[in-house]
């Protein structure tokens, strides 16, 4: 009886170990994907800021050229 209980415990521990390994692997994958999503937001804001600055520069140059002619 005791041998059977020990055997069941060892089997359960093996399943737990497998589950823990799977969770650790999935956690690393989730962390990578979250970091990518966080960076996308920053890249979008940089693109918007660049577009705004470019539009302002073009506007100033256009205004200056308009005043010349």
Protein backbone atom coordinates (compact mmCIF):
# COMPACT_ATOMS: atom_id res chain seq x y z
CA UNK A 1 0.00 0.00 0.00
CA UNK A 2 2.77 2.44 0.92
CA UNK A 3 4.64 1.63 -2.31
CA UNK A 4 1.53 2.41 -4.33
CA UNK A 5 1.07 5.75 -2.57
CA UNK A 6 4.72 6.67 -3.17
CA UNK A 7 4.37 5.67 -6.81
CA UNK A 8 1.26 7.84 -7.18
CA UNK A 9 3.07 10.77 -5.54
CA UNK A 10 6.03 10.37 -7.89
CA UNK A 11 3.72 10.30 -10.91
CA UNK A 12 1.93 13.41 -9.67
CA UNK A 13 5.26 15.16 -9.15
CA UNK A 14 6.33 14.28 -12.70
CA UNK A 15 3.09 15.80 -14.05
CA UNK A 16 3.57 18.91 -11.90
CA UNK A 17 7.14 19.28 -13.17
CA UNK A 18 5.94 19.07 -16.76
CA UNK A 19 3.25 21.67 -16.08
CA UNK A 20 5.73 24.03 -14.42
CA UNK A 21 8.10 23.74 -17.40
CA UNK A 22 5.25 24.49 -19.80
CA UNK A 23 4.12 27.49 -17.75
CA UNK A 24 7.69 28.86 -17.62
CA UNK A 25 8.05 28.51 -21.39
CA UNK A 26 4.71 30.20 -22.06
CA UNK A 27 5.52 32.96 -19.60
CA UNK A 28 8.71 33.83 -21.47
CA UNK A 29 6.74 33.93 -24.74
CA UNK A 30 4.11 36.22 -23.22
CA UNK A 31 6.76 38.55 -21.87
CA UNK A 32 8.37 38.83 -25.30
CA UNK A 33 5.05 39.61 -26.95
CA UNK A 34 4.16 42.21 -24.30
CA UNK A 35 7.49 43.99 -24.79
CA UNK A 36 6.85 44.10 -28.56
CA UNK A 37 3.41 45.63 -27.97
CA UNK A 38 4.85 48.22 -25.59
CA UNK A 39 7.43 49.24 -28.18
CA UNK A 40 4.83 49.59 -30.95
CA UNK A 41 3.09 52.36 -29.04
CA UNK A 42 6.33 54.30 -28.67
CA UNK A 43 7.17 53.87 -32.34
CA UNK A 44 3.76 55.19 -33.34
CA UNK A 45 4.18 58.27 -31.17
CA UNK A 46 7.61 58.88 -32.68
CA UNK A 47 6.09 58.66 -36.17
CA UNK A 48 3.31 61.11 -35.22
CA UNK A 49 5.84 63.54 -33.72
CA UNK A 50 8.03 63.29 -36.81
CA UNK A 51 5.05 63.99 -39.07
CA UNK A 52 4.06 67.02 -36.98
CA UNK A 53 7.58 68.45 -37.00
CA UNK A 54 7.90 67.82 -40.74
CA UNK A 55 4.58 69.56 -41.40
CA UNK A 56 5.65 72.54 -39.29
CA UNK A 57 8.98 72.83 -41.10
CA UNK A 58 7.30 72.60 -44.49
CA UNK A 59 4.79 75.22 -43.39
CA UNK A 60 7.50 77.63 -42.27
CA UNK A 61 9.46 77.12 -45.49
CA UNK A 62 6.29 77.59 -47.56
CA UNK A 63 5.43 80.76 -45.67
CA UNK A 64 8.96 82.13 -46.14
CA UNK A 65 8.89 81.38 -49.87
CA UNK A 66 5.45 82.97 -50.14
CA UNK A 67 6.73 86.16 -48.54
CA UNK A 68 9.66 86.30 -50.95
CA UNK A 69 7.52 86.19 -54.08
